[in-house]
Amino acid sequence: NVEKEKLTIRNYMNVDANESEISESTSLLKIKRNVEKEKLTIRNYMKLPRYSNDTIVMVLMKNSLNRFRLTGPLAQVVLSEALKFVIVDDFVKPDTNTETMDMDDAEQPRSSWLCDFYKYDTRLQTLRKQCSFWENVLKNVNSASELSPGMVLSAVVMDPRLTMPSTRTKAVNSGVTSLQQEIPKSLSSHSPLWEFELRERVTDSKISTSQLNGLRSRALVPGLATAAWLGSHNVSHLPILLVQNRGQYEQSGYGSGWDVIVPAGWGMPVWLGLVYRGARVGGLRETERLT
């Protein structure tokens, strides 16, 4: 009887230990799943500070946007290599590629906000002009100083993590400058960044790093997950604003570059994409030396 009682106590202890391990593992899973949302708990608040008068309304968008400044002779080529413009025809027409990756945990296509915003012909035509300007002008200049001072360009790019090289590389100028298209008067009038609901959807549509790594492990070539393999409607997209800095000396182009404005939640992917293309990280001290 004594031996039976000891055995019963041991069994109870094992059951309690197993239950505690299960509860701990479950709590860890919950923490991993919610870590992305916890980082963005203060993003895109509707209750942003507003200041208005009879004609103007100013909204302070703190914690809703990220801003990076690229300065130097390679700022132009780093920008064009790190960010890939969205292919308009891929999300306008339905995705019929049956070999693309299925996103089991996605409630709706990650490009749904893109289709909703550009369902109007005027916006779609503006996006096509922006794409044409990106391909025919920005990729064919070696320095931002060759463009109009203070130019602002609205763009929609793919997830930079999908086009990021496996190792850090250095972007190099081609040495050829050819402007094949006139610069339009305004390319920033239509941007999803101006609308609160779309900024929320852009942030929520971002695939987490753990999910992306899981997809890469299931790819035909482990570690490689391209936009074509994932499918156009499963790829995350983000709207950005590009603000041109002419620098201190217009002729030499010293200090010229770009300011890249991205929505909340996309700071780290864009930052890594720029660094892996050869950009060097600097702070306030380095910025003061350029002024």
Foldseek 3Di string as FASTA:
>chain_A
DVVVVVVVVVVVVVVVVVVVVVVVVVVVVVCVVCVLVVVLVPELDPPFDWDDDPPDIDGDRPNWKDKDWDWDQQQLQLVLQQWAFDDLVQVQDDFPDPQADDDPPDPFFLCPLVCVQPVDPVNSVLQVVLVCCSVQASLQDRFLLVDDAFAKAKGKTFQSVQSFDPAADEGDDPPGHDRPDDDDPHSPPDHLSVDSVSLVSLQVSDDDPVVVQVVQCVDPNRNHDHCVRNGVRNTRMWMKMKTWHQADDSVVSHGTHIMIMTTRNNPVSSVSSSVSHPDDDDDPVVVVVRD
